[in-house]
Amino acid sequence: MSFSKWVNSRVRKLNWTDYGLVKLSVAAFILMLAKLWEPLLALDWYWYAGIFVLAVILPISKVLGK
């Protein structure tokens, strides 16, 4: 069994609260990184907006079915 098949079989066992907790833990980790490494917060706002747009393109395209 390949690694991706193994991960997919495990992810199918998660429910909506598990997904919410994963998102919360990622948000907390990013806040911790920002607290520990201050230059991360020195970027202008449009850099964060650009990263957001690039990161959301693939999931949105899958949701819209294109």
Protein backbone atom coordinates (compact mmCIF):
# COMPACT_ATOMS: atom_id res chain seq x y z
CA MET A 1 0.00 0.00 0.00
CA SER A 2 1.41 3.37 -0.98
CA PHE A 3 1.66 6.23 1.47
CA SER A 4 -1.06 8.27 -0.24
CA LYS A 5 -3.52 5.34 -0.16
CA TRP A 6 -2.75 4.81 3.51
CA VAL A 7 -3.32 8.50 4.30
CA ASN A 8 -6.58 8.54 2.32
CA SER A 9 -7.86 5.51 4.21
CA ARG A 10 -7.11 7.26 7.52
CA VAL A 11 -8.61 10.62 6.50
CA ARG A 12 -11.92 8.96 5.58
CA LYS A 13 -12.36 8.09 9.27
CA LEU A 14 -12.45 11.76 10.31
CA ASN A 15 -15.66 13.67 10.94
CA TRP A 16 -16.42 17.39 10.81
CA THR A 17 -15.20 18.08 14.38
CA ASP A 18 -11.85 16.48 13.56
CA TYR A 19 -11.47 18.75 10.53
CA GLY A 20 -12.29 21.76 12.70
CA LEU A 21 -9.69 20.74 15.27
CA VAL A 22 -7.06 20.31 12.56
CA LYS A 23 -7.81 23.83 11.28
CA LEU A 24 -7.62 25.23 14.81
CA SER A 25 -4.27 23.53 15.45
CA VAL A 26 -2.84 24.89 12.19
CA ALA A 27 -4.03 28.40 13.07
CA ALA A 28 -2.44 28.11 16.53
CA PHE A 29 0.82 26.87 15.02
CA ILE A 30 0.95 29.80 12.58
CA LEU A 31 0.29 32.26 15.41
CA MET A 32 3.10 30.64 17.40
CA LEU A 33 5.46 31.00 14.43
CA ALA A 34 4.51 34.65 14.09
CA LYS A 35 5.16 35.19 17.78
CA LEU A 36 8.55 33.47 17.71
CA TRP A 37 9.78 34.87 14.37
CA GLU A 38 8.83 38.55 14.22
CA PRO A 39 10.06 39.25 10.65
CA LEU A 40 7.16 37.09 9.47
CA LEU A 41 4.80 39.90 10.48
CA ALA A 42 6.88 42.58 8.78
CA LEU A 43 5.47 41.86 5.32
CA ASP A 44 2.95 44.23 3.78
CA TRP A 45 -0.68 43.14 3.70
CA TYR A 46 -0.72 42.39 -0.02
CA TRP A 47 1.86 39.60 0.40
CA TYR A 48 -0.51 37.80 2.74
CA ALA A 49 -3.38 38.39 0.32
CA GLY A 50 -1.31 36.96 -2.54
CA ILE A 51 -0.41 33.87 -0.53
CA PHE A 52 -4.08 33.41 0.34
CA VAL A 53 -5.19 33.68 -3.29
CA LEU A 54 -2.52 31.23 -4.47
CA ALA A 55 -3.37 28.76 -1.72
CA VAL A 56 -7.13 28.84 -2.36
CA ILE A 57 -7.10 28.40 -6.16
CA LEU A 58 -6.88 24.59 -6.19
CA PRO A 59 -9.48 23.88 -3.46
CA ILE A 60 -11.97 26.33 -4.96
CA SER A 61 -11.52 24.85 -8.43
CA LYS A 62 -12.22 21.37 -7.00
CA VAL A 63 -15.34 22.61 -5.19
CA LEU A 64 -16.67 24.32 -8.30
CA GLY A 65 -15.91 21.24 -10.40
CA LYS A 66 -13.72 22.89 -13.00
